[in-house]
Amino acid sequence: MGKGRTEVHRVPFLTGAVMTTGPGVSGRRSAADCSTARLEASSDGVFAIAVTLLVLDLRVPEPDALHGESLAHALARQWPAYFACLVSFLVIGLVWIHHHALGGLARRVGRRTLFANLLVCSPSR
């Protein structure tokens, strides 16, 4: 590094931190200086997993269990499961939309925000 020159280096793998070196620069950015992109990406991942888990309990009837009826009729008998999946999808979608709107209001994220987001995305709510 040349004298008086500021350089930015990405720290690989899990940290995602940015190191800035140069005169008068302290080095690693704190959690208070993080952009919202990583917060939004991790939250989107949580919502995507939740939506995926909804469909894991839906079952296609076995051909032997049809007893002469059509597949469409057998699936129609399972309407409560499909309706519950649809309602759950809509609720998760609404929570995601509001979470996304709140994330759009923030410019930077601090440690308190990260912990609050962890609580919002936790399955125990």
Foldseek 3Di string as FASTA:
>chain_A
DDAQDKDWDADDDDPRWIFIDHPPDPTTDAQQAAFLPVVLVVLVVLLVVVLVVLCPPDDQDDPVVCVPPDSVVVVVVVVVSVVVSVVVNVVSVVLNVVVVVVSVVDGGDHPVNSVVSCVSSDPPD
